[in-house]
Amino acid sequence: MSSGEPAACRGEQVEQAAREAAKRRLLDQAEADRVPVEETTTAVPERRWRRGQR
C-alpha cells in the first residue's frame, strides 16, 4: 500500500491548495466590497417619530 500513500498525500495537498485559493478569493472580494469608515455617513436621528409624543 505504500504506492497509494503518495497519491493520497498529493490529493490532500491539492485540496488544501484549493481551499487556500478559495479563502484568498473570498478575502480579496470582501476587501474590495469593504466601505472605508471615512466614506460612511453618520446616523441622523429621525425626527418624524417624535411628533406623536408631544
Protein backbone atom coordinates (compact mmCIF):
# COMPACT_ATOMS: atom_id res chain seq x y z
CA MET A 1 0.00 0.00 0.00
CA SER A 2 2.98 2.32 0.09
CA SER A 3 2.42 3.19 -3.60
CA GLY A 4 -1.08 4.55 -2.77
CA GLU A 5 0.03 6.84 0.03
CA PRO A 6 1.86 9.41 -2.10
CA ALA A 7 -1.20 9.80 -4.35
CA ALA A 8 -3.39 10.36 -1.29
CA CYS A 9 -0.91 12.84 0.07
CA ARG A 10 -0.85 14.69 -3.27
CA GLY A 11 -4.66 14.70 -3.30
CA GLU A 12 -4.72 16.24 0.15
CA GLN A 13 -2.17 18.83 -0.91
CA VAL A 14 -4.27 19.72 -3.96
CA GLU A 15 -7.39 20.03 -1.80
CA GLN A 16 -5.52 22.18 0.71
CA ALA A 17 -4.25 24.44 -2.09
CA ALA A 18 -7.77 24.72 -3.49
CA ARG A 19 -9.13 25.65 -0.06
CA GLU A 20 -6.43 28.27 0.39
CA ALA A 21 -7.13 29.72 -3.06
CA ALA A 22 -10.87 29.89 -2.33
CA LYS A 23 -10.18 31.53 1.03
CA ARG A 24 -7.90 34.08 -0.62
CA ARG A 25 -10.55 34.86 -3.26
CA LEU A 26 -13.19 35.38 -0.55
CA LEU A 27 -10.90 37.64 1.46
CA ASP A 28 -9.95 39.64 -1.64
CA GLN A 29 -13.63 40.05 -2.55
CA ALA A 30 -14.52 41.11 0.99
CA GLU A 31 -11.73 43.68 0.94
CA ALA A 32 -12.92 45.00 -2.43
CA ASP A 33 -16.50 45.30 -1.09
CA ARG A 34 -15.45 46.97 2.17
CA VAL A 35 -16.52 50.58 2.61
CA PRO A 36 -13.90 52.72 4.36
CA VAL A 37 -15.08 54.42 7.55
CA GLU A 38 -14.38 57.83 6.00
CA GLU A 39 -16.99 57.15 3.31
CA THR A 40 -19.80 56.21 5.67
CA THR A 41 -22.29 58.79 6.84
CA THR A 42 -23.15 59.42 10.44
CA ALA A 43 -26.60 58.45 11.62
CA VAL A 44 -29.02 61.35 11.86
CA PRO A 45 -31.93 60.90 14.26
CA GLU A 46 -35.29 60.66 12.57
CA ARG A 47 -37.49 63.41 13.99
CA ARG A 48 -40.80 62.30 12.48
CA TRP A 49 -41.37 59.69 15.20
CA ARG A 50 -41.38 62.45 17.88
CA ARG A 51 -44.48 64.22 16.51
CA GLY A 52 -46.86 61.80 18.19
CA GLN A 53 -45.14 62.08 21.58
CA ARG A 54 -45.60 65.82 22.10
